[in-house]
Amino acid sequence: MAENGAEVRVKHLNKIRLFRQFGQDTLSEMAKAAILRRVPKNKVLTRLGDIPRYIYYVIHGKVRLSVPLSDGREFIFSDLGPGDTFDLTRLFIARHSDMNAASVVDSDLLQIEAAFMASVFDKHPDLALKVIPYLCQATHDAQERVIHSASSALSIRLASTLLRLTETPHSTAAVNGAMSIHISQTDLAAMIPASRAKVNRCLREWERRYLTQYDHGSLTILNRTALESVALGYSRLTVQ
């Protein structure tokens, strides 16, 4: 972990789009309570059913949000990387967590007690008006993803998930001008959710038609336009 001074913590807070609106004086106040924390791989930060005490900002590494399914499988709701925050709902309500949060790799996080943030809002109630639209948008996006996953064919869900992953820089890399995503088929299946066998069958069909190519944990998008058509349900490649 790099140096842990107040100026460093203010710098990290200033990178969070939501907190950047608070102004330097408030950020300096928050920095005094923030903790830079090194988290080892597979460390559970929040368990399903817990009442989380902290909000987190990912500086380096990856944190996975997931929910266990009744059949024993895991539904990966999101993989968070540098620049992402989570448990922001704790800023306003104390409620049991509806998912697990655990580090996928060794990670550096900025941790702030939710109780401290509540005291900040008590002193600066106008700041709450800046946070509410942010949380409403996040809730809307989450609802759309769940509805889409429940009502769409597997290939539509898979195409939509891959396109969403290309929007997160920590998940992608450019290879010979094409977008490549480092992810296992097991994790892809858990994001849909579906069986790994069905995901593998879909990817093999897409590879045969030159939409994507999968090799040793790396998926390359060869034809983004065609993949977008699949995600929208316009393509004949949309199968259950």
Protein backbone atom coordinates (compact mmCIF):
# COMPACT_ATOMS: atom_id res chain seq x y z
CA MET A 1 0.00 0.00 0.00
CA ALA A 2 1.27 3.45 -0.86
CA GLU A 3 1.55 6.27 1.65
CA ASN A 4 -1.52 6.83 3.79
CA GLY A 5 -1.54 10.57 4.50
CA ALA A 6 -4.58 12.84 4.58
CA GLU A 7 -3.65 14.39 1.24
CA VAL A 8 -3.56 10.95 -0.37
CA ARG A 9 -7.01 10.12 1.00
CA VAL A 10 -8.41 13.45 -0.24
CA LYS A 11 -6.95 12.68 -3.68
CA HIS A 12 -8.76 9.34 -3.78
CA LEU A 13 -12.04 10.85 -2.57
CA ASN A 14 -11.78 13.50 -5.25
CA LYS A 15 -11.76 10.77 -7.90
CA ILE A 16 -15.26 9.64 -6.89
CA ARG A 17 -17.73 11.51 -9.07
CA LEU A 18 -20.34 11.58 -6.32
CA PHE A 19 -18.02 12.92 -3.60
CA ARG A 20 -16.35 15.40 -5.91
CA GLN A 21 -19.54 17.46 -5.67
CA PHE A 22 -19.10 17.89 -1.93
CA GLY A 23 -16.30 20.48 -2.09
CA GLN A 24 -12.76 20.41 -0.73
CA ASP A 25 -13.64 21.35 2.85
CA THR A 26 -16.03 18.41 3.20
CA LEU A 27 -13.59 16.06 1.44
CA SER A 28 -10.88 17.06 3.91
CA GLU A 29 -13.28 16.29 6.74
CA MET A 30 -14.10 12.89 5.23
CA ALA A 31 -10.43 12.11 4.66
CA LYS A 32 -9.79 12.25 8.40
CA ALA A 33 -12.20 9.34 8.89
CA ALA A 34 -11.29 7.39 5.75
CA ILE A 35 -8.98 4.38 5.99
CA LEU A 36 -6.81 3.00 3.19
CA ARG A 37 -7.06 -0.76 3.53
CA ARG A 38 -5.21 -3.64 1.87
CA VAL A 39 -7.58 -6.60 1.40
CA PRO A 40 -6.22 -10.05 0.50
CA LYS A 41 -7.70 -12.24 -2.22
CA ASN A 42 -11.00 -13.96 -1.27
CA LYS A 43 -11.54 -11.70 1.75
CA VAL A 44 -15.28 -11.32 2.46
CA LEU A 45 -16.15 -7.69 3.16
CA THR A 46 -19.91 -8.07 3.54
CA ARG A 47 -22.02 -11.21 3.86
CA LEU A 48 -25.61 -11.64 2.76
CA GLY A 49 -27.77 -10.63 5.72
CA ASP A 50 -25.15 -8.43 7.42
CA ILE A 51 -25.83 -4.80 8.26
CA PRO A 52 -22.74 -3.23 6.64
CA ARG A 53 -20.90 -0.61 8.65
CA TYR A 54 -18.83 0.86 5.83
CA ILE A 55 -18.93 2.22 2.32
CA TYR A 56 -16.01 1.35 0.05
CA TYR A 57 -14.12 2.80 -2.89
CA VAL A 58 -11.94 0.47 -4.98
CA ILE A 59 -8.48 1.92 -5.61
CA HIS A 60 -6.78 -1.19 -7.02
CA GLY A 61 -7.98 -4.75 -7.53
CA LYS A 62 -11.45 -6.25 -7.92
CA VAL A 63 -14.42 -6.78 -5.60
CA ARG A 64 -17.25 -9.14 -6.56
CA LEU A 65 -20.89 -8.64 -5.57
CA SER A 66 -22.79 -11.93 -5.69
CA VAL A 67 -25.90 -13.74 -4.47
CA PRO A 68 -26.17 -17.49 -3.77
CA LEU A 69 -28.99 -19.16 -5.72
CA SER A 70 -31.32 -21.83 -4.36
CA ASP A 71 -29.74 -24.52 -6.56
CA GLY A 72 -26.31 -23.91 -5.07
CA ARG A 73 -24.96 -21.78 -7.91
CA GLU A 74 -23.76 -18.19 -7.54
CA PHE A 75 -25.23 -15.20 -9.37
CA ILE A 76 -22.47 -12.64 -9.96
CA PHE A 77 -24.25 -9.31 -9.85
CA SER A 78 -21.19 -7.19 -10.59
CA ASP A 79 -17.40 -7.16 -10.60
CA LEU A 80 -16.15 -3.79 -9.33
CA GLY A 81 -12.75 -2.37 -10.17
CA PRO A 82 -10.73 0.82 -9.69
CA GLY A 83 -13.00 3.86 -9.43
CA ASP A 84 -16.09 1.94 -8.33
CA THR A 85 -17.93 2.40 -5.02
CA PHE A 86 -20.37 0.16 -3.19
CA ASP A 87 -22.71 0.05 -0.20
CA LEU A 88 -23.67 3.69 -0.78
CA THR A 89 -27.24 2.94 0.33
CA ARG A 90 -25.79 2.76 3.87
CA LEU A 91 -25.52 6.55 3.69
CA PHE A 92 -29.25 6.77 4.39
CA ILE A 93 -30.58 3.47 5.72
CA ALA A 94 -29.33 0.65 7.93
CA ARG A 95 -30.58 -2.52 6.28
CA HIS A 96 -29.41 -6.09 5.84
CA SER A 97 -27.17 -6.62 2.84
CA ASP A 98 -28.87 -8.38 -0.08
CA MET A 99 -25.60 -9.79 -1.47
CA ASN A 100 -22.07 -10.86 -0.62
CA ALA A 101 -19.05 -8.66 -1.34
CA ALA A 102 -15.60 -10.27 -1.55
CA SER A 103 -12.23 -9.47 -3.10
CA VAL A 104 -11.36 -11.45 -6.22
CA VAL A 105 -7.68 -10.48 -6.05
CA ASP A 106 -5.50 -8.60 -3.56
CA SER A 107 -7.12 -5.17 -3.48
CA ASP A 108 -6.65 -1.68 -2.05
CA LEU A 109 -9.82 -0.03 -0.78
CA LEU A 110 -10.80 3.27 0.79
CA GLN A 111 -13.16 2.57 3.70
CA ILE A 112 -15.44 5.07 5.44
CA GLU A 113 -17.83 4.36 8.30
CA ALA A 114 -21.46 4.86 7.32
CA ALA A 115 -22.13 6.40 10.75
CA PHE A 116 -19.52 9.08 10.06
CA MET A 117 -21.13 9.88 6.71
CA ALA A 118 -24.50 10.21 8.46
CA SER A 119 -22.95 12.83 10.74
CA VAL A 120 -21.63 14.69 7.66
CA PHE A 121 -25.17 14.86 6.26
CA ASP A 122 -26.47 16.08 9.60
CA LYS A 123 -24.01 18.98 9.41
CA HIS A 124 -24.49 19.57 5.66
CA PRO A 125 -28.07 18.49 4.78
CA ASP A 126 -27.79 20.05 1.32
CA LEU A 127 -25.30 17.32 0.36
CA ALA A 128 -28.07 14.70 0.54
CA LEU A 129 -29.73 16.36 -2.45
CA LYS A 130 -26.57 15.66 -4.45
CA VAL A 131 -26.52 11.96 -3.48
CA ILE A 132 -30.19 11.04 -4.01
CA PRO A 133 -30.20 11.37 -7.87
CA TYR A 134 -27.03 9.25 -8.00
CA LEU A 135 -28.62 6.47 -5.94
CA CYS A 136 -31.89 6.65 -7.88
CA GLN A 137 -30.02 6.14 -11.15
CA ALA A 138 -28.06 3.22 -9.69
CA THR A 139 -31.31 1.61 -8.50
CA HIS A 140 -32.93 2.10 -11.89
CA ASP A 141 -29.95 0.50 -13.68
CA ALA A 142 -30.01 -2.48 -11.31
CA GLN A 143 -33.75 -3.01 -11.84
CA GLU A 144 -33.33 -2.92 -15.62
CA ARG A 145 -30.59 -5.54 -15.46
CA VAL A 146 -32.69 -7.90 -13.30
CA ILE A 147 -35.78 -7.51 -15.51
CA HIS A 148 -33.70 -8.04 -18.64
CA SER A 149 -32.10 -11.17 -17.20
CA ALA A 150 -35.46 -12.63 -16.21
CA SER A 151 -37.20 -12.10 -19.53
CA SER A 152 -34.57 -12.57 -22.25
CA ALA A 153 -33.10 -15.54 -24.11
CA LEU A 154 -29.68 -16.74 -22.96
CA SER A 155 -27.85 -15.37 -26.01
CA ILE A 156 -29.44 -11.93 -25.48
CA ARG A 157 -28.38 -11.94 -21.82
CA LEU A 158 -24.89 -13.09 -22.72
CA ALA A 159 -24.44 -10.49 -25.46
CA SER A 160 -25.73 -7.72 -23.18
CA THR A 161 -23.37 -8.81 -20.40
CA LEU A 162 -20.34 -8.81 -22.70
CA LEU A 163 -21.20 -5.35 -24.02
CA ARG A 164 -21.63 -4.07 -20.46
CA LEU A 165 -18.23 -5.49 -19.50
CA THR A 166 -16.59 -3.57 -22.36
CA GLU A 167 -17.70 -0.36 -20.61
CA THR A 168 -15.53 -1.12 -17.56
CA PRO A 169 -11.85 -0.38 -18.31
CA HIS A 170 -10.55 -2.74 -15.60
CA SER A 171 -12.17 -5.70 -17.40
CA THR A 172 -10.97 -5.06 -20.94
CA ALA A 173 -7.90 -4.70 -23.13
CA ALA A 174 -7.34 -3.92 -26.81
CA VAL A 175 -5.83 -6.78 -28.83
CA ASN A 176 -4.99 -6.05 -32.48
CA GLY A 177 -7.68 -3.40 -32.58
CA ALA A 178 -10.38 -5.67 -31.10
CA MET A 179 -11.83 -5.50 -27.59
CA SER A 180 -10.78 -8.38 -25.35
CA ILE A 181 -12.35 -9.32 -21.99
CA HIS A 182 -10.45 -11.43 -19.47
CA ILE A 183 -13.08 -13.67 -17.89
CA SER A 184 -13.76 -17.36 -17.36
CA GLN A 185 -16.78 -19.10 -18.87
CA THR A 186 -17.74 -20.12 -15.33
CA ASP A 187 -17.93 -16.47 -14.25
CA LEU A 188 -19.81 -15.54 -17.42
CA ALA A 189 -22.36 -18.24 -16.68
CA ALA A 190 -22.75 -16.90 -13.14
CA MET A 191 -23.41 -13.39 -14.48
CA ILE A 192 -26.23 -14.50 -16.81
CA PRO A 193 -27.12 -16.73 -14.86
CA ALA A 194 -27.01 -20.00 -16.82
CA SER A 195 -25.08 -23.24 -16.95
CA ARG A 196 -21.49 -23.16 -18.16
CA ALA A 197 -22.36 -25.75 -20.82
CA LYS A 198 -25.01 -23.47 -22.37
CA VAL A 199 -22.64 -20.49 -22.36
CA ASN A 200 -19.94 -22.60 -23.99
CA ARG A 201 -22.38 -23.78 -26.68
CA CYS A 202 -23.46 -20.20 -27.42
CA LEU A 203 -19.87 -18.95 -27.63
CA ARG A 204 -18.91 -21.79 -29.98
CA GLU A 205 -21.79 -20.83 -32.28
CA TRP A 206 -20.71 -17.18 -32.18
CA GLU A 207 -17.11 -18.17 -32.93
CA ARG A 208 -18.30 -20.19 -35.92
CA ARG A 209 -20.02 -17.03 -37.20
CA TYR A 210 -17.04 -14.75 -36.35
CA LEU A 211 -18.79 -12.68 -33.68
CA THR A 212 -16.45 -13.57 -30.83
CA GLN A 213 -13.45 -15.77 -30.09
CA TYR A 214 -12.69 -17.39 -26.74
CA ASP A 215 -9.23 -18.64 -25.85
CA HIS A 216 -7.74 -19.48 -22.44
CA GLY A 217 -9.89 -17.13 -20.36
CA SER A 218 -9.84 -14.27 -22.87
CA LEU A 219 -12.91 -13.40 -24.97
CA THR A 220 -12.36 -11.18 -28.00
CA ILE A 221 -15.25 -9.36 -29.69
CA LEU A 222 -14.71 -9.71 -33.44
CA ASN A 223 -17.94 -8.10 -34.65
CA ARG A 224 -19.39 -5.63 -32.15
CA THR A 225 -22.20 -4.50 -34.47
CA ALA A 226 -23.48 -8.07 -34.83
CA LEU A 227 -23.18 -8.62 -31.07
CA GLU A 228 -25.23 -5.46 -30.44
CA SER A 229 -27.93 -6.85 -32.77
CA VAL A 230 -28.00 -10.04 -30.70
CA ALA A 231 -28.31 -8.03 -27.48
CA LEU A 232 -31.29 -6.14 -28.92
CA GLY A 233 -32.96 -9.36 -30.04
CA TYR A 234 -32.72 -8.46 -33.75
CA SER A 235 -30.50 -11.36 -34.76
CA ARG A 236 -31.38 -14.94 -35.64
CA LEU A 237 -28.53 -15.92 -33.31
CA THR A 238 -30.73 -15.23 -30.27
CA VAL A 239 -31.44 -18.72 -28.96
CA GLN A 240 -32.59 -20.00 -25.57
